Amino acid sequence: FPSPADDFMDEAIDLHRLLVRNPAATFLYRADGWSMLGVGI
């Protein structure tokens, strides 16, 4: 159950900087299948 006292924003995040630590070495793959469901993929 959510608390109404939590209705404020604290900071901002650049999702690219959060997910991509080394742009020149970073690649994206799309998962295909269900064998990794236990780790949330």
Full PDB file with SEQRES, HELIX, SHEET, SSBOND, CRYST1, ORIGX, SCALE, CONECT and MASTER records, all heavy atoms in Angstrom:
SEQRES   1 A   41  PHE PRO SER PRO ALA ASP ASP PHE MET ASP GLU ALA ILE          
SEQRES   2 A   41  ASP LEU HIS ARG LEU LEU VAL ARG ASN PRO ALA ALA THR          
SEQRES   3 A   41  PHE LEU TYR ARG ALA ASP GLY TRP SER MET LEU GLY VAL          
SEQRES   4 A   41  GLY ILE                                                      
HELIX    1 AA1 PRO A    4  ASP A    6  5                                   3    
HELIX    2 AA2 LEU A   15  LEU A   19  1                                   5    
HELIX    3 AA3 PRO A   23  ALA A   25  5                                   3    
HELIX    4 AA4 LEU A   37  VAL A   39  5                                   3    
CRYST1    1.000    1.000    1.000  90.00  90.00  90.00 P 1           1          
ORIGX1      1.000000  0.000000  0.000000        0.00000                         
ORIGX2      0.000000  1.000000  0.000000        0.00000                         
ORIGX3      0.000000  0.000000  1.000000        0.00000                         
SCALE1      1.000000  0.000000  0.000000        0.00000                         
SCALE2      0.000000  1.000000  0.000000        0.00000                         
SCALE3      0.000000  0.000000  1.000000        0.00000                         
ATOM      1  N   PHE A   1       0.838  -1.193   0.000  1.00  0.00           N  
ATOM      2  CA  PHE A   1       0.000   0.000   0.000  1.00  0.00           C  
ATOM      3  C   PHE A   1       0.877   1.248   0.000  1.00  0.00           C  
ATOM      4  O   PHE A   1       1.765   1.392   0.830  1.00  0.00           O  
ATOM      5  CB  PHE A   1      -0.910  -0.020   1.235  1.00  0.00           C  
ATOM      6  CG  PHE A   1      -1.910   1.092   1.243  1.00  0.00           C  
ATOM      7  CD1 PHE A   1      -2.999   1.059   0.391  1.00  0.00           C  
ATOM      8  CD2 PHE A   1      -1.745   2.170   2.083  1.00  0.00           C  
ATOM      9  CE1 PHE A   1      -3.916   2.084   0.393  1.00  0.00           C  
ATOM     10  CE2 PHE A   1      -2.654   3.203   2.087  1.00  0.00           C  
ATOM     11  CZ  PHE A   1      -3.755   3.164   1.238  1.00  0.00           C  
ATOM     12  N   PRO A   2       0.678   2.205  -0.949  1.00  0.00           N  
ATOM     13  CA  PRO A   2       1.527   3.394  -1.019  1.00  0.00           C  
ATOM     14  C   PRO A   2       1.240   4.401   0.103  1.00  0.00           C  
ATOM     15  O   PRO A   2       0.127   4.478   0.600  1.00  0.00           O  
ATOM     16  CB  PRO A   2       1.164   3.997  -2.379  1.00  0.00           C  
ATOM     17  CG  PRO A   2      -0.208   3.506  -2.654  1.00  0.00           C  
ATOM     18  CD  PRO A   2      -0.331   2.163  -1.998  1.00  0.00           C  
ATOM     19  N   SER A   3       2.261   5.155   0.468  1.00  0.00           N  
ATOM     20  CA  SER A   3       2.129   6.190   1.478  1.00  0.00           C  
ATOM     21  C   SER A   3       1.942   7.543   0.794  1.00  0.00           C  
ATOM     22  O   SER A   3       2.728   7.915  -0.075  1.00  0.00           O  
ATOM     23  CB  SER A   3       3.393   6.243   2.343  1.00  0.00           C  
ATOM     24  OG  SER A   3       3.396   7.417   3.124  1.00  0.00           O  
ATOM     25  N   PRO A   4       0.915   8.336   1.176  1.00  0.00           N  
ATOM     26  CA  PRO A   4       0.721   9.657   0.561  1.00  0.00           C  
ATOM     27  C   PRO A   4       1.832  10.643   0.905  1.00  0.00           C  
ATOM     28  O   PRO A   4       1.981  11.667   0.260  1.00  0.00           O  
ATOM     29  CB  PRO A   4      -0.622  10.122   1.115  1.00  0.00           C  
ATOM     30  CG  PRO A   4      -0.961   9.218   2.232  1.00  0.00           C  
ATOM     31  CD  PRO A   4      -0.126   7.994   2.103  1.00  0.00           C  
ATOM     32  N   ALA A   5       2.673  10.346   1.895  1.00  0.00           N  
ATOM     33  CA  ALA A   5       3.771  11.232   2.273  1.00  0.00           C  
ATOM     34  C   ALA A   5       4.918  11.197   1.279  1.00  0.00           C  
ATOM     35  O   ALA A   5       5.846  11.994   1.355  1.00  0.00           O  
ATOM     36  CB  ALA A   5       4.286  10.858   3.659  1.00  0.00           C  
ATOM     37  N   ASP A   6       4.873  10.299   0.307  1.00  0.00           N  
ATOM     38  CA  ASP A   6       5.983  10.122  -0.629  1.00  0.00           C  
ATOM     39  C   ASP A   6       5.747  10.825  -1.964  1.00  0.00           C  
ATOM     40  O   ASP A   6       6.240  10.390  -2.995  1.00  0.00           O  
ATOM     41  CB  ASP A   6       6.221   8.631  -0.876  1.00  0.00           C  
ATOM     42  CG  ASP A   6       6.688   7.918   0.374  1.00  0.00           C  
ATOM     43  OD1 ASP A   6       7.309   8.584   1.223  1.00  0.00           O  
ATOM     44  OD2 ASP A   6       6.437   6.718   0.497  1.00  0.00           O  
ATOM     45  N   ASP A   7       5.001  11.922  -1.970  1.00  0.00           N  
ATOM     46  CA  ASP A   7       4.645  12.604  -3.222  1.00  0.00           C  
ATOM     47  C   ASP A   7       5.635  13.714  -3.583  1.00  0.00           C  
ATOM     48  O   ASP A   7       5.247  14.858  -3.797  1.00  0.00           O  
ATOM     49  CB  ASP A   7       3.233  13.197  -3.123  1.00  0.00           C  
ATOM     50  CG  ASP A   7       2.170  12.136  -3.051  1.00  0.00           C  
ATOM     51  OD1 ASP A   7       2.459  11.002  -3.480  1.00  0.00           O  
ATOM     52  OD2 ASP A   7       1.070  12.444  -2.585  1.00  0.00           O  
ATOM     53  N   PHE A   8       6.927  13.417  -3.636  1.00  0.00           N  
ATOM     54  CA  PHE A   8       7.898  14.424  -4.054  1.00  0.00           C  
ATOM     55  C   PHE A   8       9.000  13.763  -4.867  1.00  0.00           C  
ATOM     56  O   PHE A   8       9.221  12.567  -4.780  1.00  0.00           O  
ATOM     57  CB  PHE A   8       8.493  15.160  -2.841  1.00  0.00           C  
ATOM     58  CG  PHE A   8       9.301  14.271  -1.928  1.00  0.00           C  
ATOM     59  CD1 PHE A   8      10.671  14.151  -2.098  1.00  0.00           C  
ATOM     60  CD2 PHE A   8       8.693  13.560  -0.912  1.00  0.00           C  
ATOM     61  CE1 PHE A   8      11.420  13.332  -1.276  1.00  0.00           C  
ATOM     62  CE2 PHE A   8       9.439  12.733  -0.079  1.00  0.00           C  
ATOM     63  CZ  PHE A   8      10.803  12.623  -0.259  1.00  0.00           C  
ATOM     64  N   MET A   9       9.674  14.575  -5.674  1.00  0.00           N  
ATOM     65  CA  MET A   9      10.781  14.094  -6.488  1.00  0.00           C  
ATOM     66  C   MET A   9      12.088  14.538  -5.842  1.00  0.00           C  
ATOM     67  O   MET A   9      12.194  15.653  -5.351  1.00  0.00           O  
ATOM     68  CB  MET A   9      10.696  14.639  -7.913  1.00  0.00           C  
ATOM     69  CG  MET A   9       9.503  14.160  -8.683  1.00  0.00           C  
ATOM     70  SD  MET A   9       9.576  12.387  -8.911  1.00  0.00           S  
ATOM     71  CE  MET A   9       7.850  12.002  -8.896  1.00  0.00           C  
ATOM     72  N   ASP A  10      13.086  13.682  -5.873  1.00  0.00           N  
ATOM     73  CA  ASP A  10      14.340  13.941  -5.183  1.00  0.00           C  
ATOM     74  C   ASP A  10      15.458  14.366  -6.125  1.00  0.00           C  
ATOM     75  O   ASP A  10      16.178  15.302  -5.851  1.00  0.00           O  
ATOM     76  CB  ASP A  10      14.746  12.678  -4.418  1.00  0.00           C  
ATOM     77  CG  ASP A  10      15.876  12.922  -3.441  1.00  0.00           C  
ATOM     78  OD1 ASP A  10      15.995  14.056  -2.950  1.00  0.00           O  
ATOM     79  OD2 ASP A  10      16.633  11.977  -3.175  1.00  0.00           O  
ATOM     80  N   GLU A  11      15.631  13.665  -7.249  1.00  0.00           N  
ATOM     81  CA  GLU A  11      16.721  13.938  -8.171  1.00  0.00           C  
ATOM     82  C   GLU A  11      16.322  13.465  -9.558  1.00  0.00           C  
ATOM     83  O   GLU A  11      15.203  13.041  -9.765  1.00  0.00           O  
ATOM     84  CB  GLU A  11      18.010  13.266  -7.704  1.00  0.00           C  
ATOM     85  CG  GLU A  11      17.899  11.752  -7.603  1.00  0.00           C  
ATOM     86  CD  GLU A  11      19.180  11.089  -7.132  1.00  0.00           C  
ATOM     87  OE1 GLU A  11      20.149  11.111  -7.911  1.00  0.00           O  
ATOM     88  OE2 GLU A  11      19.198  10.547  -6.023  1.00  0.00           O  
ATOM     89  N   ALA A  12      17.255  13.524 -10.499  1.00  0.00           N  
ATOM     90  CA  ALA A  12      16.997  13.046 -11.855  1.00  0.00           C  
ATOM     91  C   ALA A  12      18.115  12.092 -12.266  1.00  0.00           C  
ATOM     92  O   ALA A  12      19.240  12.200 -11.798  1.00  0.00           O  
ATOM     93  CB  ALA A  12      16.927  14.218 -12.830  1.00  0.00           C  
ATOM     94  N   ILE A  13      17.777  11.157 -13.144  1.00  0.00           N  
ATOM     95  CA  ILE A  13      18.730  10.148 -13.608  1.00  0.00           C  
ATOM     96  C   ILE A  13      18.742  10.153 -15.128  1.00  0.00           C  
ATOM     97  O   ILE A  13      17.699  10.221 -15.767  1.00  0.00           O  
ATOM     98  CB  ILE A  13      18.320   8.739 -13.126  1.00  0.00           C  
ATOM     99  CG1 ILE A  13      18.487   8.623 -11.616  1.00  0.00           C  
ATOM    100  CG2 ILE A  13      19.125   7.667 -13.822  1.00  0.00           C  
ATOM    101  CD1 ILE A  13      18.066   7.276 -11.075  1.00  0.00           C  
ATOM    102  N   ASP A  14      19.937  10.078 -15.704  1.00  0.00           N  
ATOM    103  CA  ASP A  14      20.090   9.864 -17.140  1.00  0.00           C  
ATOM    104  C   ASP A  14      20.174   8.348 -17.322  1.00  0.00           C  
ATOM    105  O   ASP A  14      21.156   7.717 -16.928  1.00  0.00           O  
ATOM    106  CB  ASP A  14      21.365  10.548 -17.636  1.00  0.00           C  
ATOM    107  CG  ASP A  14      21.641  10.309 -19.109  1.00  0.00           C  
ATOM    108  OD1 ASP A  14      20.924   9.505 -19.744  1.00  0.00           O  
ATOM    109  OD2 ASP A  14      22.587  10.926 -19.629  1.00  0.00           O  
ATOM    110  N   LEU A  15      19.134   7.738 -17.886  1.00  0.00           N  
ATOM    111  CA  LEU A  15      19.100   6.286 -18.019  1.00  0.00           C  
ATOM    112  C   LEU A  15      20.247   5.758 -18.873  1.00  0.00           C  
ATOM    113  O   LEU A  15      20.759   4.664 -18.630  1.00  0.00           O  
ATOM    114  CB  LEU A  15      17.755   5.845 -18.600  1.00  0.00           C  
ATOM    115  CG  LEU A  15      16.564   6.059 -17.679  1.00  0.00           C  
ATOM    116  CD1 LEU A  15      15.273   5.696 -18.392  1.00  0.00           C  
ATOM    117  CD2 LEU A  15      16.720   5.250 -16.403  1.00  0.00           C  
ATOM    118  N   HIS A  16      20.667   6.525 -19.870  1.00  0.00           N  
ATOM    119  CA  HIS A  16      21.789   6.093 -20.708  1.00  0.00           C  
ATOM    120  C   HIS A  16      23.051   5.953 -19.860  1.00  0.00           C  
ATOM    121  O   HIS A  16      23.752   4.960 -19.927  1.00  0.00           O  
ATOM    122  CB  HIS A  16      22.009   7.082 -21.853  1.00  0.00           C  
ATOM    123  CG  HIS A  16      23.041   6.638 -22.824  1.00  0.00           C  
ATOM    124  ND1 HIS A  16      24.365   6.987 -22.699  1.00  0.00           N  
ATOM    125  CD2 HIS A  16      22.957   5.858 -23.921  1.00  0.00           C  
ATOM    126  CE1 HIS A  16      25.061   6.441 -23.683  1.00  0.00           C  
ATOM    127  NE2 HIS A  16      24.220   5.762 -24.444  1.00  0.00           N  
ATOM    128  N   ARG A  17      23.325   6.954 -19.027  1.00  0.00           N  
ATOM    129  CA  ARG A  17      24.524   6.888 -18.174  1.00  0.00           C  
ATOM    130  C   ARG A  17      24.406   5.795 -17.113  1.00  0.00           C  
ATOM    131  O   ARG A  17      25.395   5.216 -16.707  1.00  0.00           O  
ATOM    132  CB  ARG A  17      24.792   8.233 -17.518  1.00  0.00           C  
ATOM    133  CG  ARG A  17      25.232   9.283 -18.504  1.00  0.00           C  
ATOM    134  CD  ARG A  17      25.631  10.567 -17.786  1.00  0.00           C  
ATOM    135  NE  ARG A  17      25.703  11.666 -18.703  1.00  0.00           N  
ATOM    136  CZ  ARG A  17      26.764  11.968 -19.434  1.00  0.00           C  
ATOM    137  NH1 ARG A  17      27.843  11.225 -19.330  1.00  0.00           N  
ATOM    138  NH2 ARG A  17      26.756  12.988 -20.248  1.00  0.00           N  
ATOM    139  N   LEU A  18      23.195   5.518 -16.663  1.00  0.00           N  
ATOM    140  CA  LEU A  18      22.989   4.471 -15.675  1.00  0.00           C  
ATOM    141  C   LEU A  18      23.262   3.089 -16.256  1.00  0.00           C  
ATOM    142  O   LEU A  18      23.899   2.248 -15.626  1.00  0.00           O  
ATOM    143  CB  LEU A  18      21.546   4.528 -15.154  1.00  0.00           C  
ATOM    144  CG  LEU A  18      21.142   3.446 -14.151  1.00  0.00           C  
ATOM    145  CD1 LEU A  18      21.875   3.661 -12.827  1.00  0.00           C  
ATOM    146  CD2 LEU A  18      19.647   3.454 -13.946  1.00  0.00           C  
ATOM    147  N   LEU A  19      22.824   2.846 -17.487  1.00  0.00           N  
ATOM    148  CA  LEU A  19      22.924   1.519 -18.093  1.00  0.00           C  
ATOM    149  C   LEU A  19      24.174   1.319 -18.937  1.00  0.00           C  
ATOM    150  O   LEU A  19      24.603   0.197 -19.141  1.00  0.00           O  
ATOM    151  CB  LEU A  19      21.690   1.248 -18.952  1.00  0.00           C  
ATOM    152  CG  LEU A  19      20.380   1.131 -18.190  1.00  0.00           C  
ATOM    153  CD1 LEU A  19      19.212   1.103 -19.143  1.00  0.00           C  
ATOM    154  CD2 LEU A  19      20.392  -0.109 -17.309  1.00  0.00           C  
ATOM    155  N   VAL A  20      24.741   2.394 -19.475  1.00  0.00           N  
ATOM    156  CA  VAL A  20      25.881   2.279 -20.387  1.00  0.00           C  
ATOM    157  C   VAL A  20      27.102   2.905 -19.729  1.00  0.00           C  
ATOM    158  O   VAL A  20      27.273   4.115 -19.727  1.00  0.00           O  
ATOM    159  CB  VAL A  20      25.567   2.950 -21.746  1.00  0.00           C  
ATOM    160  CG1 VAL A  20      26.752   2.823 -22.686  1.00  0.00           C  
ATOM    161  CG2 VAL A  20      24.318   2.347 -22.360  1.00  0.00           C  
ATOM    162  N   ARG A  21      27.971   2.045 -19.179  1.00  0.00           N  
ATOM    163  CA  ARG A  21      29.157   2.528 -18.480  1.00  0.00           C  
ATOM    164  C   ARG A  21      30.310   2.807 -19.437  1.00  0.00           C  
ATOM    165  O   ARG A  21      31.107   3.695 -19.226  1.00  0.00           O  
ATOM    166  CB  ARG A  21      29.574   1.512 -17.435  1.00  0.00           C  
ATOM    167  CG  ARG A  21      28.507   1.324 -16.374  1.00  0.00           C  
ATOM    168  CD  ARG A  21      28.875   0.202 -15.421  1.00  0.00           C  
ATOM    169  NE  ARG A  21      27.764  -0.025 -14.509  1.00  0.00           N  
ATOM    170  CZ  ARG A  21      27.117  -1.172 -14.425  1.00  0.00           C  
ATOM    171  NH1 ARG A  21      27.474  -2.199 -15.165  1.00  0.00           N  
ATOM    172  NH2 ARG A  21      26.129  -1.312 -13.578  1.00  0.00           N  
ATOM    173  N   ASN A  22      30.418   2.015 -20.494  1.00  0.00           N  
ATOM    174  CA  ASN A  22      31.489   2.167 -21.473  1.00  0.00           C  
ATOM    175  C   ASN A  22      30.850   2.104 -22.863  1.00  0.00           C  
ATOM    176  O   ASN A  22      30.721   1.027 -23.445  1.00  0.00           O  
ATOM    177  CB  ASN A  22      32.521   1.051 -21.295  1.00  0.00           C  
ATOM    178  CG  ASN A  22      33.695   1.195 -22.225  1.00  0.00           C  
ATOM    179  OD1 ASN A  22      33.676   1.978 -23.175  1.00  0.00           O  
ATOM    180  ND2 ASN A  22      34.729   0.416 -21.971  1.00  0.00           N  
ATOM    181  N   PRO A  23      30.434   3.249 -23.408  1.00  0.00           N  
ATOM    182  CA  PRO A  23      29.671   3.265 -24.658  1.00  0.00           C  
ATOM    183  C   PRO A  23      30.334   2.524 -25.820  1.00  0.00           C  
ATOM    184  O   PRO A  23      29.656   1.817 -26.557  1.00  0.00           O  
ATOM    185  CB  PRO A  23      29.521   4.750 -24.979  1.00  0.00           C  
ATOM    186  CG  PRO A  23      29.637   5.428 -23.662  1.00  0.00           C  
ATOM    187  CD  PRO A  23      30.616   4.600 -22.867  1.00  0.00           C  
ATOM    188  N   ALA A  24      31.644   2.642 -25.960  1.00  0.00           N  
ATOM    189  CA  ALA A  24      32.316   2.006 -27.094  1.00  0.00           C  
ATOM    190  C   ALA A  24      32.286   0.477 -27.009  1.00  0.00           C  
ATOM    191  O   ALA A  24      32.418  -0.203 -28.021  1.00  0.00           O  
ATOM    192  CB  ALA A  24      33.762   2.490 -27.185  1.00  0.00           C  
ATOM    193  N   ALA A  25      32.087  -0.077 -25.816  1.00  0.00           N  
ATOM    194  CA  ALA A  25      32.109  -1.528 -25.633  1.00  0.00           C  
ATOM    195  C   ALA A  25      30.729  -2.100 -25.302  1.00  0.00           C  
ATOM    196  O   ALA A  25      30.605  -3.269 -24.982  1.00  0.00           O  
ATOM    197  CB  ALA A  25      33.084  -1.889 -24.521  1.00  0.00           C  
ATOM    198  N   THR A  26      29.691  -1.274 -25.381  1.00  0.00           N  
ATOM    199  CA  THR A  26      28.357  -1.703 -24.975  1.00  0.00           C  
ATOM    200  C   THR A  26      27.500  -2.066 -26.174  1.00  0.00           C  
ATOM    201  O   THR A  26      27.437  -1.326 -27.151  1.00  0.00           O  
ATOM    202  CB  THR A  26      27.668  -0.602 -24.150  1.00  0.00           C  
ATOM    203  OG1 THR A  26      28.477  -0.330 -23.000  1.00  0.00           O  
ATOM    204  CG2 THR A  26      26.289  -1.028 -23.694  1.00  0.00           C  
ATOM    205  N   PHE A  27      26.861  -3.222 -26.075  1.00  0.00           N  
ATOM    206  CA  PHE A  27      25.957  -3.709 -27.114  1.00  0.00           C  
ATOM    207  C   PHE A  27      24.658  -4.134 -26.470  1.00  0.00           C  
ATOM    208  O   PHE A  27      24.622  -4.490 -25.295  1.00  0.00           O  
ATOM    209  CB  PHE A  27      26.582  -4.888 -27.867  1.00  0.00           C  
ATOM    210  CG  PHE A  27      27.742  -4.477 -28.716  1.00  0.00           C  
ATOM    211  CD1 PHE A  27      29.011  -4.355 -28.163  1.00  0.00           C  
ATOM    212  CD2 PHE A  27      27.574  -4.185 -30.051  1.00  0.00           C  
ATOM    213  CE1 PHE A  27      30.087  -3.951 -28.928  1.00  0.00           C  
ATOM    214  CE2 PHE A  27      28.638  -3.786 -30.826  1.00  0.00           C  
ATOM    215  CZ  PHE A  27      29.898  -3.664 -30.273  1.00  0.00           C  
ATOM    216  N   LEU A  28      23.601  -4.121 -27.250  1.00  0.00           N  
ATOM    217  CA  LEU A  28      22.292  -4.528 -26.771  1.00  0.00           C  
ATOM    218  C   LEU A  28      21.871  -5.810 -27.467  1.00  0.00           C  
ATOM    219  O   LEU A  28      22.075  -5.971 -28.667  1.00  0.00           O  
ATOM    220  CB  LEU A  28      21.261  -3.425 -27.056  1.00  0.00           C  
ATOM    221  CG  LEU A  28      21.596  -2.046 -26.496  1.00  0.00           C  
ATOM    222  CD1 LEU A  28      20.582  -1.027 -26.973  1.00  0.00           C  
ATOM    223  CD2 LEU A  28      21.674  -2.075 -24.986  1.00  0.00           C  
ATOM    224  N   TYR A  29      21.317  -6.723 -26.704  1.00  0.00           N  
ATOM    225  CA  TYR A  29      20.792  -7.975 -27.232  1.00  0.00           C  
ATOM    226  C   TYR A  29      19.342  -8.104 -26.784  1.00  0.00           C  
ATOM    227  O   TYR A  29      18.993  -7.661 -25.689  1.00  0.00           O  
ATOM    228  CB  TYR A  29      21.576  -9.176 -26.686  1.00  0.00           C  
ATOM    229  CG  TYR A  29      22.971  -9.324 -27.220  1.00  0.00           C  
ATOM    230  CD1 TYR A  29      24.023  -8.578 -26.711  1.00  0.00           C  
ATOM    231  CD2 TYR A  29      23.247 -10.239 -28.228  1.00  0.00           C  
ATOM    232  CE1 TYR A  29      25.311  -8.725 -27.201  1.00  0.00           C  
ATOM    233  CE2 TYR A  29      24.538 -10.393 -28.719  1.00  0.00           C  
ATOM    234  CZ  TYR A  29      25.560  -9.625 -28.196  1.00  0.00           C  
ATOM    235  OH  TYR A  29      26.837  -9.776 -28.676  1.00  0.00           O  
ATOM    236  N   ARG A  30      18.503  -8.717 -27.603  1.00  0.00           N  
ATOM    237  CA  ARG A  30      17.121  -8.993 -27.198  1.00  0.00           C  
ATOM    238  C   ARG A  30      17.032 -10.466 -26.789  1.00  0.00           C  
ATOM    239  O   ARG A  30      17.416 -11.349 -27.535  1.00  0.00           O  
ATOM    240  CB  ARG A  30      16.140  -8.705 -28.322  1.00  0.00           C  
ATOM    241  CG  ARG A  30      14.692  -8.849 -27.852  1.00  0.00           C  
ATOM    242  CD  ARG A  30      13.683  -8.436 -28.896  1.00  0.00           C  
ATOM    243  NE  ARG A  30      13.820  -7.080 -29.367  1.00  0.00           N  
ATOM    244  CZ  ARG A  30      13.325  -5.999 -28.753  1.00  0.00           C  
ATOM    245  NH1 ARG A  30      12.682  -6.134 -27.612  1.00  0.00           N  
ATOM    246  NH2 ARG A  30      13.469  -4.804 -29.294  1.00  0.00           N  
ATOM    247  N   ALA A  31      16.517 -10.706 -25.581  1.00  0.00           N  
ATOM    248  CA  ALA A  31      16.364 -12.075 -25.080  1.00  0.00           C  
ATOM    249  C   ALA A  31      15.267 -12.788 -25.854  1.00  0.00           C  
ATOM    250  O   ALA A  31      14.258 -12.195 -26.225  1.00  0.00           O  
ATOM    251  CB  ALA A  31      16.031 -12.050 -23.591  1.00  0.00           C  
ATOM    252  N   ASP A  32      15.484 -14.075 -26.088  1.00  0.00           N  
ATOM    253  CA  ASP A  32      14.536 -14.899 -26.824  1.00  0.00           C  
ATOM    254  C   ASP A  32      14.394 -16.223 -26.091  1.00  0.00           C  
ATOM    255  O   ASP A  32      15.276 -17.072 -26.174  1.00  0.00           O  
ATOM    256  CB  ASP A  32      15.040 -15.109 -28.256  1.00  0.00           C  
ATOM    257  CG  ASP A  32      14.131 -15.992 -29.078  1.00  0.00           C  
ATOM    258  OD1 ASP A  32      12.933 -16.078 -28.763  1.00  0.00           O  
ATOM    259  OD2 ASP A  32      14.633 -16.604 -30.040  1.00  0.00           O  
ATOM    260  N   GLY A  33      13.324 -16.387 -25.335  1.00  0.00           N  
ATOM    261  CA  GLY A  33      13.105 -17.627 -24.604  1.00  0.00           C  
ATOM    262  C   GLY A  33      12.848 -17.366 -23.125  1.00  0.00           C  
ATOM    263  O   GLY A  33      12.795 -16.216 -22.680  1.00  0.00           O  
ATOM    264  N   TRP A  34      12.686 -18.454 -22.370  1.00  0.00           N  
ATOM    265  CA  TRP A  34      12.283 -18.351 -20.973  1.00  0.00           C  
ATOM    266  C   TRP A  34      13.243 -19.039 -20.015  1.00  0.00           C  
ATOM    267  O   TRP A  34      12.916 -19.233 -18.848  1.00  0.00           O  
ATOM    268  CB  TRP A  34      10.882 -18.933 -20.824  1.00  0.00           C  
ATOM    269  CG  TRP A  34       9.889 -18.136 -21.606  1.00  0.00           C  
ATOM    270  CD1 TRP A  34       9.393 -18.439 -22.841  1.00  0.00           C  
ATOM    271  CD2 TRP A  34       9.329 -16.890 -21.237  1.00  0.00           C  
ATOM    272  NE1 TRP A  34       8.541 -17.450 -23.265  1.00  0.00           N  
ATOM    273  CE2 TRP A  34       8.476 -16.481 -22.293  1.00  0.00           C  
ATOM    274  CE3 TRP A  34       9.449 -16.062 -20.126  1.00  0.00           C  
ATOM    275  CZ2 TRP A  34       7.755 -15.293 -22.264  1.00  0.00           C  
ATOM    276  CZ3 TRP A  34       8.724 -14.884 -20.102  1.00  0.00           C  
ATOM    277  CH2 TRP A  34       7.892 -14.513 -21.152  1.00  0.00           C  
ATOM    278  N   SER A  35      14.444 -19.386 -20.439  1.00  0.00           N  
ATOM    279  CA  SER A  35      15.339 -20.130 -19.559  1.00  0.00           C  
ATOM    280  C   SER A  35      15.944 -19.284 -18.445  1.00  0.00           C  
ATOM    281  O   SER A  35      16.525 -19.820 -17.512  1.00  0.00           O  
ATOM    282  CB  SER A  35      16.453 -20.802 -20.359  1.00  0.00           C  
ATOM    283  OG  SER A  35      17.377 -19.856 -20.821  1.00  0.00           O  
ATOM    284  N   MET A  36      15.805 -17.963 -18.502  1.00  0.00           N  
ATOM    285  CA  MET A  36      16.404 -17.106 -17.476  1.00  0.00           C  
ATOM    286  C   MET A  36      15.353 -16.404 -16.614  1.00  0.00           C  
ATOM    287  O   MET A  36      15.628 -15.420 -15.931  1.00  0.00           O  
ATOM    288  CB  MET A  36      17.335 -16.074 -18.140  1.00  0.00           C  
ATOM    289  CG  MET A  36      18.476 -16.713 -18.908  1.00  0.00           C  
ATOM    290  SD  MET A  36      19.436 -17.912 -17.955  1.00  0.00           S  
ATOM    291  CE  MET A  36      20.235 -16.859 -16.776  1.00  0.00           C  
ATOM    292  N   LEU A  37      14.161 -16.930 -16.617  1.00  0.00           N  
ATOM    293  CA  LEU A  37      13.045 -16.338 -15.879  1.00  0.00           C  
ATOM    294  C   LEU A  37      13.349 -16.216 -14.386  1.00  0.00           C  
ATOM    295  O   LEU A  37      12.957 -15.252 -13.739  1.00  0.00           O  
ATOM    296  CB  LEU A  37      11.786 -17.168 -16.107  1.00  0.00           C  
ATOM    297  CG  LEU A  37      10.463 -16.536 -15.708  1.00  0.00           C  
ATOM    298  CD1 LEU A  37      10.270 -15.197 -16.416  1.00  0.00           C  
ATOM    299  CD2 LEU A  37       9.326 -17.473 -16.033  1.00  0.00           C  
ATOM    300  N   GLY A  38      14.083 -17.162 -13.830  1.00  0.00           N  
ATOM    301  CA  GLY A  38      14.413 -17.159 -12.408  1.00  0.00           C  
ATOM    302  C   GLY A  38      15.278 -15.993 -11.954  1.00  0.00           C  
ATOM    303  O   GLY A  38      15.351 -15.699 -10.767  1.00  0.00           O  
ATOM    304  N   VAL A  39      15.953 -15.318 -12.894  1.00  0.00           N  
ATOM    305  CA  VAL A  39      16.731 -14.125 -12.549  1.00  0.00           C  
ATOM    306  C   VAL A  39      16.065 -12.868 -13.097  1.00  0.00           C  
ATOM    307  O   VAL A  39      16.684 -11.817 -13.186  1.00  0.00           O  
ATOM    308  CB  VAL A  39      18.211 -14.218 -13.012  1.00  0.00           C  
ATOM    309  CG1 VAL A  39      18.953 -15.280 -12.240  1.00  0.00           C  
ATOM    310  CG2 VAL A  39      18.322 -14.431 -14.503  1.00  0.00           C  
ATOM    311  N   GLY A  40      14.791 -13.007 -13.471  1.00  0.00           N  
ATOM    312  CA  GLY A  40      14.019 -11.840 -13.884  1.00  0.00           C  
ATOM    313  C   GLY A  40      14.144 -11.453 -15.338  1.00  0.00           C  
ATOM    314  O   GLY A  40      13.756 -10.347 -15.713  1.00  0.00           O  
ATOM    315  N   ILE A  41      14.682 -12.325 -16.188  1.00  0.00           N  
ATOM    316  CA  ILE A  41      14.793 -12.005 -17.614  1.00  0.00           C  
ATOM    317  C   ILE A  41      13.697 -12.754 -18.360  1.00  0.00           C  
ATOM    318  O   ILE A  41      13.602 -13.973 -18.284  1.00  0.00           O  
ATOM    319  CB  ILE A  41      16.175 -12.376 -18.167  1.00  0.00           C  
ATOM    320  CG1 ILE A  41      17.245 -11.536 -17.474  1.00  0.00           C  
ATOM    321  CG2 ILE A  41      16.221 -12.170 -19.679  1.00  0.00           C  
ATOM    322  CD1 ILE A  41      18.654 -11.871 -17.876  1.00  0.00           C  
TER     323      ILE A  41                                                      
MASTER        0    0    0    4    0    0    0    6  322    1    0    4          
END                                                                             
